[in-house]
N, C-alpha and C. Protein backbone atom coordinates (compact mmCIF):
# COMPACT_ATOMS: atom_id res chain seq x y z
N UNK A 1 -147.94 70.47 -214.14
CA UNK A 1 -146.82 69.73 -214.70
C UNK A 1 -145.55 69.99 -213.89
N UNK A 2 -145.40 71.22 -213.42
CA UNK A 2 -144.21 71.57 -212.64
C UNK A 2 -144.13 70.73 -211.36
N UNK A 3 -145.27 70.54 -210.70
CA UNK A 3 -145.28 69.76 -209.47
C UNK A 3 -144.93 68.31 -209.76
N UNK A 4 -145.45 67.76 -210.85
CA UNK A 4 -145.16 66.38 -211.23
C UNK A 4 -143.67 66.18 -211.50
N UNK A 5 -143.07 67.09 -212.24
CA UNK A 5 -141.63 67.02 -212.52
C UNK A 5 -140.84 67.12 -211.22
N UNK A 6 -141.25 68.05 -210.36
CA UNK A 6 -140.57 68.22 -209.07
C UNK A 6 -140.63 66.95 -208.25
N UNK A 7 -141.82 66.37 -208.13
CA UNK A 7 -141.99 65.15 -207.32
C UNK A 7 -141.18 63.99 -207.92
N UNK A 8 -141.20 63.85 -209.23
CA UNK A 8 -140.44 62.77 -209.88
C UNK A 8 -138.94 62.92 -209.62
N UNK A 9 -138.44 64.15 -209.77
CA UNK A 9 -137.01 64.38 -209.54
C UNK A 9 -136.65 64.21 -208.07
N UNK A 10 -137.52 64.67 -207.17
CA UNK A 10 -137.25 64.50 -205.74
C UNK A 10 -137.30 63.04 -205.34
N UNK A 11 -138.17 62.27 -205.97
CA UNK A 11 -138.23 60.84 -205.68
C UNK A 11 -136.94 60.15 -206.10
N UNK A 12 -136.48 60.44 -207.31
CA UNK A 12 -135.22 59.85 -207.77
C UNK A 12 -134.07 60.30 -206.88
N UNK A 13 -134.06 61.57 -206.53
CA UNK A 13 -133.03 62.11 -205.64
C UNK A 13 -133.05 61.40 -204.30
N UNK A 14 -134.25 61.14 -203.80
CA UNK A 14 -134.40 60.51 -202.50
C UNK A 14 -133.93 59.07 -202.48
N UNK A 15 -134.05 58.38 -203.60
CA UNK A 15 -133.51 57.02 -203.67
C UNK A 15 -132.00 57.07 -203.45
N UNK A 16 -131.33 57.99 -204.14
CA UNK A 16 -129.88 58.15 -203.92
C UNK A 16 -129.59 58.55 -202.49
N UNK A 17 -130.36 59.50 -201.95
CA UNK A 17 -130.13 59.98 -200.59
C UNK A 17 -130.27 58.84 -199.58
N UNK A 18 -131.31 58.05 -199.74
CA UNK A 18 -131.55 56.97 -198.78
C UNK A 18 -130.41 55.96 -198.81
N UNK A 19 -129.94 55.62 -200.00
CA UNK A 19 -128.80 54.70 -200.08
C UNK A 19 -127.53 55.35 -199.53
N UNK A 20 -127.34 56.64 -199.77
CA UNK A 20 -126.16 57.32 -199.25
C UNK A 20 -126.19 57.36 -197.72
N UNK A 21 -127.36 57.62 -197.15
CA UNK A 21 -127.46 57.75 -195.70
C UNK A 21 -127.47 56.42 -194.97
N UNK A 22 -128.14 55.41 -195.55
CA UNK A 22 -128.37 54.17 -194.81
C UNK A 22 -127.85 52.91 -195.47
N UNK A 23 -127.57 52.93 -196.76
CA UNK A 23 -127.13 51.73 -197.46
C UNK A 23 -125.84 51.15 -196.91
N UNK A 24 -124.96 52.02 -196.43
CA UNK A 24 -123.68 51.55 -195.89
C UNK A 24 -123.85 50.70 -194.63
N UNK A 25 -124.99 50.85 -193.95
CA UNK A 25 -125.23 50.05 -192.75
C UNK A 25 -125.36 48.57 -193.08
N UNK A 26 -125.80 48.29 -194.29
CA UNK A 26 -125.91 46.90 -194.73
C UNK A 26 -124.68 46.47 -195.51
N UNK A 27 -124.21 47.33 -196.41
CA UNK A 27 -123.17 46.94 -197.35
C UNK A 27 -121.74 47.14 -196.86
N UNK A 28 -121.53 48.10 -196.00
CA UNK A 28 -120.16 48.43 -195.58
C UNK A 28 -119.99 48.38 -194.07
N UNK A 29 -120.79 47.60 -193.40
CA UNK A 29 -120.75 47.59 -191.93
C UNK A 29 -119.41 47.10 -191.38
N UNK A 30 -118.71 46.29 -192.15
CA UNK A 30 -117.42 45.79 -191.69
C UNK A 30 -116.24 46.65 -192.11
N UNK A 31 -116.51 47.72 -192.80
CA UNK A 31 -115.45 48.61 -193.30
C UNK A 31 -115.30 49.81 -192.37
N UNK A 32 -114.15 50.49 -192.42
CA UNK A 32 -113.97 51.71 -191.61
C UNK A 32 -114.99 52.78 -192.00
N UNK A 33 -115.35 53.61 -191.03
CA UNK A 33 -116.37 54.63 -191.25
C UNK A 33 -116.00 55.57 -192.38
N UNK A 34 -114.70 55.90 -192.53
CA UNK A 34 -114.31 56.86 -193.57
C UNK A 34 -114.52 56.28 -194.97
N UNK A 35 -114.45 54.96 -195.11
CA UNK A 35 -114.73 54.34 -196.40
C UNK A 35 -116.24 54.46 -196.69
N UNK A 36 -117.05 54.20 -195.68
CA UNK A 36 -118.50 54.35 -195.84
C UNK A 36 -118.85 55.80 -196.17
N UNK A 37 -118.19 56.74 -195.50
CA UNK A 37 -118.46 58.16 -195.76
C UNK A 37 -118.08 58.53 -197.19
N UNK A 38 -116.97 58.03 -197.67
CA UNK A 38 -116.53 58.34 -199.03
C UNK A 38 -117.51 57.78 -200.06
N UNK A 39 -117.93 56.55 -199.86
CA UNK A 39 -118.91 55.95 -200.77
C UNK A 39 -120.22 56.73 -200.70
N UNK A 40 -120.65 57.08 -199.50
CA UNK A 40 -121.89 57.84 -199.33
C UNK A 40 -121.81 59.20 -200.01
N UNK A 41 -120.69 59.87 -199.90
CA UNK A 41 -120.52 61.17 -200.58
C UNK A 41 -120.62 61.01 -202.09
N UNK A 42 -120.06 59.92 -202.61
CA UNK A 42 -120.15 59.66 -204.04
C UNK A 42 -121.59 59.45 -204.49
N UNK A 43 -122.36 58.72 -203.69
CA UNK A 43 -123.78 58.52 -204.00
C UNK A 43 -124.54 59.83 -203.86
N UNK A 44 -124.22 60.60 -202.83
CA UNK A 44 -124.91 61.87 -202.57
C UNK A 44 -124.70 62.87 -203.70
N UNK A 45 -123.59 62.76 -204.41
CA UNK A 45 -123.37 63.64 -205.55
C UNK A 45 -124.52 63.53 -206.55
N UNK A 46 -124.95 62.29 -206.81
CA UNK A 46 -126.05 62.07 -207.76
C UNK A 46 -127.38 62.54 -207.17
N UNK A 47 -127.50 62.42 -205.86
CA UNK A 47 -128.69 62.97 -205.20
C UNK A 47 -128.81 64.46 -205.48
N UNK A 48 -127.72 65.18 -205.29
CA UNK A 48 -127.74 66.63 -205.46
C UNK A 48 -127.92 67.04 -206.92
N UNK A 49 -127.46 66.21 -207.86
CA UNK A 49 -127.68 66.52 -209.28
C UNK A 49 -129.17 66.54 -209.62
N UNK A 50 -129.98 65.84 -208.83
CA UNK A 50 -131.43 65.82 -209.04
C UNK A 50 -132.16 66.75 -208.08
N UNK A 51 -131.72 66.78 -206.84
CA UNK A 51 -132.43 67.53 -205.80
C UNK A 51 -132.36 69.04 -206.01
N UNK A 52 -131.21 69.56 -206.34
CA UNK A 52 -131.08 71.02 -206.52
C UNK A 52 -131.96 71.52 -207.66
N UNK A 53 -131.88 70.92 -208.87
CA UNK A 53 -132.78 71.40 -209.92
C UNK A 53 -134.26 71.14 -209.60
N UNK A 54 -134.56 70.04 -208.91
CA UNK A 54 -135.96 69.77 -208.54
C UNK A 54 -136.51 70.88 -207.65
N UNK A 55 -135.72 71.30 -206.68
CA UNK A 55 -136.17 72.38 -205.79
C UNK A 55 -136.30 73.70 -206.55
N UNK A 56 -135.41 73.96 -207.47
CA UNK A 56 -135.50 75.20 -208.26
C UNK A 56 -136.73 75.19 -209.17
N UNK A 57 -137.00 74.04 -209.76
CA UNK A 57 -138.20 73.92 -210.61
C UNK A 57 -139.45 74.06 -209.75
N UNK A 58 -139.49 73.35 -208.64
CA UNK A 58 -140.66 73.40 -207.77
C UNK A 58 -140.92 74.77 -207.19
N UNK A 59 -139.87 75.51 -206.91
CA UNK A 59 -140.00 76.83 -206.29
C UNK A 59 -140.63 77.85 -207.24
N UNK A 60 -140.74 77.49 -208.51
CA UNK A 60 -141.42 78.38 -209.46
C UNK A 60 -142.91 78.52 -209.15
N UNK A 61 -143.51 77.42 -208.65
CA UNK A 61 -144.95 77.45 -208.39
C UNK A 61 -145.32 77.13 -206.95
N UNK A 62 -144.41 76.61 -206.18
CA UNK A 62 -144.67 76.25 -204.79
C UNK A 62 -143.94 77.21 -203.87
N UNK A 63 -144.52 77.44 -202.69
CA UNK A 63 -143.75 78.21 -201.73
C UNK A 63 -142.82 77.26 -200.98
N UNK A 64 -141.94 77.80 -200.19
CA UNK A 64 -140.90 77.01 -199.54
C UNK A 64 -141.48 75.94 -198.62
N UNK A 65 -142.50 76.29 -197.85
CA UNK A 65 -143.10 75.32 -196.93
C UNK A 65 -143.75 74.17 -197.70
N UNK A 66 -144.41 74.47 -198.80
CA UNK A 66 -145.02 73.41 -199.61
C UNK A 66 -143.94 72.49 -200.19
N UNK A 67 -142.87 73.08 -200.65
CA UNK A 67 -141.77 72.30 -201.20
C UNK A 67 -141.17 71.38 -200.13
N UNK A 68 -141.04 71.88 -198.93
CA UNK A 68 -140.48 71.07 -197.83
C UNK A 68 -141.41 69.92 -197.46
N UNK A 69 -142.70 70.17 -197.40
CA UNK A 69 -143.64 69.11 -197.05
C UNK A 69 -143.65 68.03 -198.14
N UNK A 70 -143.59 68.45 -199.40
CA UNK A 70 -143.50 67.46 -200.48
C UNK A 70 -142.25 66.62 -200.29
N UNK A 71 -141.14 67.24 -199.95
CA UNK A 71 -139.89 66.50 -199.73
C UNK A 71 -140.05 65.48 -198.61
N UNK A 72 -140.71 65.86 -197.55
CA UNK A 72 -140.89 64.93 -196.42
C UNK A 72 -141.77 63.75 -196.80
N UNK A 73 -142.82 64.00 -197.57
CA UNK A 73 -143.69 62.92 -198.03
C UNK A 73 -142.91 61.98 -198.94
N UNK A 74 -142.14 62.54 -199.84
CA UNK A 74 -141.31 61.73 -200.73
C UNK A 74 -140.31 60.93 -199.92
N UNK A 75 -139.69 61.55 -198.93
CA UNK A 75 -138.70 60.85 -198.10
C UNK A 75 -139.31 59.63 -197.44
N UNK A 76 -140.47 59.79 -196.82
CA UNK A 76 -141.11 58.65 -196.17
C UNK A 76 -141.55 57.61 -197.19
N UNK A 77 -142.03 58.05 -198.34
CA UNK A 77 -142.48 57.13 -199.39
C UNK A 77 -141.33 56.29 -199.94
N UNK A 78 -140.13 56.83 -199.94
CA UNK A 78 -138.96 56.08 -200.38
C UNK A 78 -138.37 55.27 -199.23
N UNK A 79 -138.35 55.85 -198.04
CA UNK A 79 -137.69 55.20 -196.91
C UNK A 79 -138.39 53.91 -196.47
N UNK A 80 -139.71 53.92 -196.40
CA UNK A 80 -140.43 52.74 -195.90
C UNK A 80 -140.15 51.51 -196.76
N UNK A 81 -140.32 51.58 -198.09
CA UNK A 81 -139.96 50.39 -198.87
C UNK A 81 -138.48 50.01 -198.76
N UNK A 82 -137.61 51.01 -198.69
CA UNK A 82 -136.18 50.74 -198.51
C UNK A 82 -135.95 49.97 -197.21
N UNK A 83 -136.54 50.46 -196.13
CA UNK A 83 -136.35 49.82 -194.82
C UNK A 83 -136.90 48.39 -194.81
N UNK A 84 -138.07 48.21 -195.38
CA UNK A 84 -138.72 46.90 -195.34
C UNK A 84 -138.08 45.92 -196.31
N UNK A 85 -137.89 46.33 -197.56
CA UNK A 85 -137.44 45.38 -198.58
C UNK A 85 -135.92 45.27 -198.70
N UNK A 86 -135.20 46.37 -198.52
CA UNK A 86 -133.75 46.32 -198.68
C UNK A 86 -133.03 46.03 -197.36
N UNK A 87 -133.45 46.73 -196.32
CA UNK A 87 -132.80 46.56 -195.02
C UNK A 87 -133.43 45.43 -194.19
N UNK A 88 -134.54 44.87 -194.68
CA UNK A 88 -135.22 43.75 -194.03
C UNK A 88 -135.73 44.10 -192.63
N UNK A 89 -136.14 45.36 -192.47
CA UNK A 89 -136.75 45.79 -191.21
C UNK A 89 -138.19 45.28 -191.17
N UNK A 90 -138.66 45.03 -189.98
CA UNK A 90 -140.04 44.59 -189.81
C UNK A 90 -140.97 45.78 -190.03
N UNK A 91 -142.00 45.62 -190.89
CA UNK A 91 -142.95 46.73 -191.05
C UNK A 91 -143.61 47.05 -189.71
N UNK A 92 -143.81 48.34 -189.46
CA UNK A 92 -144.41 48.76 -188.19
C UNK A 92 -145.59 49.66 -188.46
N UNK A 93 -146.52 49.60 -187.56
CA UNK A 93 -147.69 50.45 -187.65
C UNK A 93 -147.30 51.93 -187.57
N UNK A 94 -146.16 52.21 -186.97
CA UNK A 94 -145.69 53.60 -186.88
C UNK A 94 -145.46 54.21 -188.26
N UNK A 95 -145.11 53.39 -189.25
CA UNK A 95 -144.96 53.91 -190.61
C UNK A 95 -146.29 54.48 -191.10
N UNK A 96 -147.38 53.78 -190.80
CA UNK A 96 -148.70 54.25 -191.18
C UNK A 96 -149.04 55.55 -190.46
N UNK A 97 -148.79 55.60 -189.16
CA UNK A 97 -149.11 56.82 -188.39
C UNK A 97 -148.29 58.01 -188.90
N UNK A 98 -147.03 57.78 -189.19
CA UNK A 98 -146.19 58.86 -189.73
C UNK A 98 -146.74 59.33 -191.06
N UNK A 99 -147.15 58.39 -191.90
CA UNK A 99 -147.73 58.74 -193.19
C UNK A 99 -149.01 59.55 -193.05
N UNK A 100 -149.85 59.18 -192.09
CA UNK A 100 -151.08 59.94 -191.85
C UNK A 100 -150.78 61.35 -191.36
N UNK A 101 -149.78 61.48 -190.51
CA UNK A 101 -149.38 62.82 -190.04
C UNK A 101 -148.88 63.66 -191.21
N UNK A 102 -148.13 63.05 -192.12
CA UNK A 102 -147.65 63.80 -193.28
C UNK A 102 -148.79 64.17 -194.21
N UNK A 103 -149.79 63.31 -194.32
CA UNK A 103 -150.95 63.66 -195.14
C UNK A 103 -151.67 64.87 -194.54
N UNK A 104 -151.74 64.92 -193.22
CA UNK A 104 -152.33 66.10 -192.58
C UNK A 104 -151.48 67.33 -192.85
N UNK A 105 -150.18 67.17 -192.80
CA UNK A 105 -149.27 68.30 -193.08
C UNK A 105 -149.47 68.79 -194.51
N UNK A 106 -149.62 67.87 -195.46
CA UNK A 106 -149.87 68.26 -196.85
C UNK A 106 -151.18 69.04 -196.94
N UNK A 107 -152.19 68.55 -196.27
CA UNK A 107 -153.48 69.25 -196.30
C UNK A 107 -153.31 70.70 -195.82
N UNK A 108 -152.67 70.87 -194.69
CA UNK A 108 -152.53 72.22 -194.12
C UNK A 108 -151.63 73.12 -194.97
N UNK A 109 -150.62 72.55 -195.61
CA UNK A 109 -149.72 73.36 -196.43
C UNK A 109 -150.36 73.78 -197.75
N UNK A 110 -151.27 72.97 -198.27
CA UNK A 110 -151.83 73.25 -199.59
C UNK A 110 -153.25 73.81 -199.55
N UNK A 111 -153.87 73.86 -198.39
CA UNK A 111 -155.22 74.45 -198.34
C UNK A 111 -155.10 75.95 -198.53
N UNK A 112 -156.11 76.49 -199.04
CA UNK A 112 -156.14 77.95 -199.24
C UNK A 112 -156.83 78.57 -198.04
N UNK A 113 -156.09 79.40 -197.31
CA UNK A 113 -156.69 80.03 -196.13
C UNK A 113 -157.24 81.39 -196.43
């Protein structure tokens, strides 16, 4: 249950993070950079309200490397739909290859040696 809560909170956090990091490229491209930075910081505040407790909850049962790999998988899982559907980027086969590499990383981080 702890892992499920962690993943759910990290996913929600990552939605905010992705918009904070990249949303301004679509929405504020004609505005000065400091305005985009200010808006991004405001969005990032909500990211941190979810990300910090998610990492603390996850660290109860996961080691740091496992927590980081989960974060990377969540990041790619949020970023690809954001890039394709919101930013109108062309889907690329590289998204699949990156996902497969992350699946291998998950395997190695969670296998019992």
